[in-house]
Amino acid sequence: MSLRDTLTWLVENVEGGLAAVVVASDGITIDEVAVHQTEFDLQLLTVEYASVLKEIRRAVDVVKVGEMEEVAVTTGRLYVVIRVLNSDLFAALIMLRDGNLGKGRYLLRLKSFELLRELE
C-alpha cells in the first residue's frame, strides 16, 4: 500500500474521519488526504501543531518520563490525534467530534509502522 493509500484507508475506516496527514517536525506536510470537505485550513493546523509538539516534547524530556508517543487534542468541533513516527515525523488523524476517537487512536497506532515504512 502507498503512503496516500494508507492515509486514505485511515480516514475512511474511522467514523467521522476528515483528514490524515504526515508532517515533518518543522511543519512541512509530506502527504495529506482530506476525504471530506473541511472548514479549517489543514496546512495551518499542521504547522501550528508541529510547533506545539516541539514544546510538549521538550517538557517530556525535562521530566524524563520516556519518549512522547501520542497527543490527542479535543476541541468543540474536532478530535486531532497525533502519533509520533520518529524524531522528524508525525502523523495526524483529524475527526469530527462525534467520530470514534478510540478507533481512530487504535488505527493510527496500528498503521504508524506502515506509514514509517512507506517513507523509507
C-alpha atoms as a PDB file:
ATOM      1  CA  MET A   1       0.000   0.000   0.000  1.00  0.00           C
ATOM      2  CA  SER A   2       1.294   3.513  -0.766  1.00  0.00           C
ATOM      3  CA  LEU A   3       1.514   6.325   1.753  1.00  0.00           C
ATOM      4  CA  ARG A   4      -1.537   8.034   0.247  1.00  0.00           C
ATOM      5  CA  ASP A   5      -3.484   4.750   0.241  1.00  0.00           C
ATOM      6  CA  THR A   6      -2.736   4.207   3.921  1.00  0.00           C
ATOM      7  CA  LEU A   7      -3.796   7.745   4.833  1.00  0.00           C
ATOM      8  CA  THR A   8      -6.994   7.334   2.815  1.00  0.00           C
ATOM      9  CA  TRP A   9      -7.680   3.981   4.488  1.00  0.00           C
ATOM     10  CA  LEU A  10      -7.293   5.584   7.920  1.00  0.00           C
ATOM     11  CA  VAL A  11      -9.778   8.366   7.209  1.00  0.00           C
ATOM     12  CA  GLU A  12     -12.301   6.100   5.535  1.00  0.00           C
ATOM     13  CA  ASN A  13     -12.228   3.484   8.303  1.00  0.00           C
ATOM     14  CA  VAL A  14     -12.912   5.799  11.231  1.00  0.00           C
ATOM     15  CA  GLU A  15     -16.369   7.189  11.788  1.00  0.00           C
ATOM     16  CA  GLY A  16     -16.151  10.964  11.497  1.00  0.00           C
ATOM     17  CA  GLY A  17     -12.752  10.878   9.768  1.00  0.00           C
ATOM     18  CA  LEU A  18     -11.977  14.091   7.909  1.00  0.00           C
ATOM     19  CA  ALA A  19      -8.279  14.034   7.091  1.00  0.00           C
ATOM     20  CA  ALA A  20      -4.965  12.336   7.749  1.00  0.00           C
ATOM     21  CA  VAL A  21      -1.524  13.845   7.271  1.00  0.00           C
ATOM     22  CA  VAL A  22       2.138  13.016   7.650  1.00  0.00           C
ATOM     23  CA  VAL A  23       4.129  16.050   8.698  1.00  0.00           C
ATOM     24  CA  ALA A  24       7.798  16.828   9.301  1.00  0.00           C
ATOM     25  CA  SER A  25       8.721  18.294  12.673  1.00  0.00           C
ATOM     26  CA  ASP A  26       9.172  21.717  11.034  1.00  0.00           C
ATOM     27  CA  GLY A  27       5.507  21.679   9.973  1.00  0.00           C
ATOM     28  CA  ILE A  28       6.014  20.847   6.304  1.00  0.00           C
ATOM     29  CA  THR A  29       3.400  18.383   5.077  1.00  0.00           C
ATOM     30  CA  ILE A  30       4.831  15.246   3.463  1.00  0.00           C
ATOM     31  CA  ASP A  31       1.438  13.950   2.307  1.00  0.00           C
ATOM     32  CA  GLU A  32      -2.189  14.525   3.194  1.00  0.00           C
ATOM     33  CA  VAL A  33      -5.603  13.155   2.419  1.00  0.00           C
ATOM     34  CA  ALA A  34      -8.813  15.029   3.106  1.00  0.00           C
ATOM     35  CA  VAL A  35     -11.726  12.731   2.324  1.00  0.00           C
ATOM     36  CA  HIS A  36     -14.405  15.212   3.292  1.00  0.00           C
ATOM     37  CA  GLN A  37     -14.533  18.963   2.742  1.00  0.00           C
ATOM     38  CA  THR A  38     -13.133  20.655   5.826  1.00  0.00           C
ATOM     39  CA  GLU A  39     -13.986  24.074   7.225  1.00  0.00           C
ATOM     40  CA  PHE A  40     -10.467  24.671   8.530  1.00  0.00           C
ATOM     41  CA  ASP A  41      -7.053  25.223   6.964  1.00  0.00           C
ATOM     42  CA  LEU A  42      -5.306  21.861   7.182  1.00  0.00           C
ATOM     43  CA  GLN A  43      -1.882  23.365   6.393  1.00  0.00           C
ATOM     44  CA  LEU A  44      -2.241  25.927   9.168  1.00  0.00           C
ATOM     45  CA  LEU A  45      -3.386  23.237  11.602  1.00  0.00           C
ATOM     46  CA  THR A  46      -0.331  21.063  10.899  1.00  0.00           C
ATOM     47  CA  VAL A  47       2.145  23.959  11.160  1.00  0.00           C
ATOM     48  CA  GLU A  48       0.681  25.100  14.484  1.00  0.00           C
ATOM     49  CA  TYR A  49       0.512  21.584  15.915  1.00  0.00           C
ATOM     50  CA  ALA A  50       4.121  20.935  14.880  1.00  0.00           C
ATOM     51  CA  SER A  51       5.090  23.931  16.995  1.00  0.00           C
ATOM     52  CA  VAL A  52       3.016  22.692  19.937  1.00  0.00           C
ATOM     53  CA  LEU A  53       4.571  19.221  19.645  1.00  0.00           C
ATOM     54  CA  LYS A  54       8.060  20.695  19.980  1.00  0.00           C
ATOM     55  CA  GLU A  55       7.045  22.243  23.292  1.00  0.00           C
ATOM     56  CA  ILE A  56       5.403  19.049  24.520  1.00  0.00           C
ATOM     57  CA  ARG A  57       8.446  17.017  23.503  1.00  0.00           C
ATOM     58  CA  ARG A  58      10.688  19.438  25.388  1.00  0.00           C
ATOM     59  CA  ALA A  59       8.511  19.093  28.510  1.00  0.00           C
ATOM     60  CA  VAL A  60       8.539  15.298  28.254  1.00  0.00           C
ATOM     61  CA  ASP A  61      12.343  15.363  28.006  1.00  0.00           C
ATOM     62  CA  VAL A  62      12.652  17.602  31.072  1.00  0.00           C
ATOM     63  CA  VAL A  63      10.555  15.356  33.297  1.00  0.00           C
ATOM     64  CA  LYS A  64      12.248  12.223  31.914  1.00  0.00           C
ATOM     65  CA  VAL A  65       9.167  10.018  31.584  1.00  0.00           C
ATOM     66  CA  GLY A  66      10.114   8.359  28.292  1.00  0.00           C
ATOM     67  CA  GLU A  67       9.612   9.186  24.644  1.00  0.00           C
ATOM     68  CA  MET A  68       6.490  11.019  23.526  1.00  0.00           C
ATOM     69  CA  GLU A  69       4.267   8.691  21.504  1.00  0.00           C
ATOM     70  CA  GLU A  70       0.849  10.290  21.092  1.00  0.00           C
ATOM     71  CA  VAL A  71      -1.024  13.512  21.732  1.00  0.00           C
ATOM     72  CA  ALA A  72      -4.783  13.947  21.428  1.00  0.00           C
ATOM     73  CA  VAL A  73      -6.488  17.323  21.273  1.00  0.00           C
ATOM     74  CA  THR A  74     -10.226  17.757  21.689  1.00  0.00           C
ATOM     75  CA  THR A  75     -11.891  20.960  20.567  1.00  0.00           C
ATOM     76  CA  GLY A  76     -15.526  21.958  20.317  1.00  0.00           C
ATOM     77  CA  ARG A  77     -15.751  20.500  16.805  1.00  0.00           C
ATOM     78  CA  LEU A  78     -12.789  18.166  16.294  1.00  0.00           C
ATOM     79  CA  TYR A  79     -10.597  15.417  17.626  1.00  0.00           C
ATOM     80  CA  VAL A  80      -6.989  15.570  16.480  1.00  0.00           C
ATOM     81  CA  VAL A  81      -4.846  12.534  17.255  1.00  0.00           C
ATOM     82  CA  ILE A  82      -1.129  12.937  16.639  1.00  0.00           C
ATOM     83  CA  ARG A  83       1.191   9.953  16.560  1.00  0.00           C
ATOM     84  CA  VAL A  84       4.972  10.386  16.570  1.00  0.00           C
ATOM     85  CA  LEU A  85       6.563   8.284  13.819  1.00  0.00           C
ATOM     86  CA  ASN A  86      10.182   9.191  14.591  1.00  0.00           C
ATOM     87  CA  SER A  87      12.153  12.240  15.748  1.00  0.00           C
ATOM     88  CA  ASP A  88      11.432  14.047  12.470  1.00  0.00           C
ATOM     89  CA  LEU A  89       7.899  12.953  11.512  1.00  0.00           C
ATOM     90  CA  PHE A  90       4.419  12.672  12.923  1.00  0.00           C
ATOM     91  CA  ALA A  91       1.053  11.562  11.608  1.00  0.00           C
ATOM     92  CA  ALA A  92      -2.227  13.203  12.497  1.00  0.00           C
ATOM     93  CA  LEU A  93      -5.786  11.979  12.137  1.00  0.00           C
ATOM     94  CA  ILE A  94      -8.465  14.661  12.211  1.00  0.00           C
ATOM     95  CA  MET A  95     -12.020  13.602  13.066  1.00  0.00           C
ATOM     96  CA  LEU A  96     -15.349  15.210  13.770  1.00  0.00           C
ATOM     97  CA  ARG A  97     -16.189  15.476  17.442  1.00  0.00           C
ATOM     98  CA  ASP A  98     -18.897  12.818  17.074  1.00  0.00           C
ATOM     99  CA  GLY A  99     -16.377  10.437  15.480  1.00  0.00           C
ATOM    100  CA  ASN A 100     -14.984   7.312  17.090  1.00  0.00           C
ATOM    101  CA  LEU A 101     -11.922   8.586  18.981  1.00  0.00           C
ATOM    102  CA  GLY A 102     -10.953   5.187  20.392  1.00  0.00           C
ATOM    103  CA  LYS A 103     -10.980   3.518  16.992  1.00  0.00           C
ATOM    104  CA  GLY A 104      -9.109   6.449  15.468  1.00  0.00           C
ATOM    105  CA  ARG A 105      -6.346   6.223  18.079  1.00  0.00           C
ATOM    106  CA  TYR A 106      -6.116   2.461  17.656  1.00  0.00           C
ATOM    107  CA  LEU A 107      -5.955   2.515  13.847  1.00  0.00           C
ATOM    108  CA  LEU A 108      -3.430   5.356  13.773  1.00  0.00           C
ATOM    109  CA  ARG A 109      -1.187   3.432  16.176  1.00  0.00           C
ATOM    110  CA  LEU A 110      -1.664   0.262  14.140  1.00  0.00           C
ATOM    111  CA  LYS A 111      -0.812   1.965  10.836  1.00  0.00           C
ATOM    112  CA  SER A 112       2.033   4.130  12.172  1.00  0.00           C
ATOM    113  CA  PHE A 113       4.619   1.432  11.481  1.00  0.00           C
ATOM    114  CA  GLU A 114       3.313   1.051   7.935  1.00  0.00           C
ATOM    115  CA  LEU A 115       3.417   4.822   7.372  1.00  0.00           C
ATOM    116  CA  LEU A 116       7.014   4.976   8.548  1.00  0.00           C
ATOM    117  CA  ARG A 117       7.992   2.026   6.372  1.00  0.00           C
ATOM    118  CA  GLU A 118       6.411   3.685   3.320  1.00  0.00           C
ATOM    119  CA  LEU A 119       8.511   6.795   3.927  1.00  0.00           C
ATOM    120  CA  GLU A 120      11.830   4.938   3.929  1.00  0.00           C
END
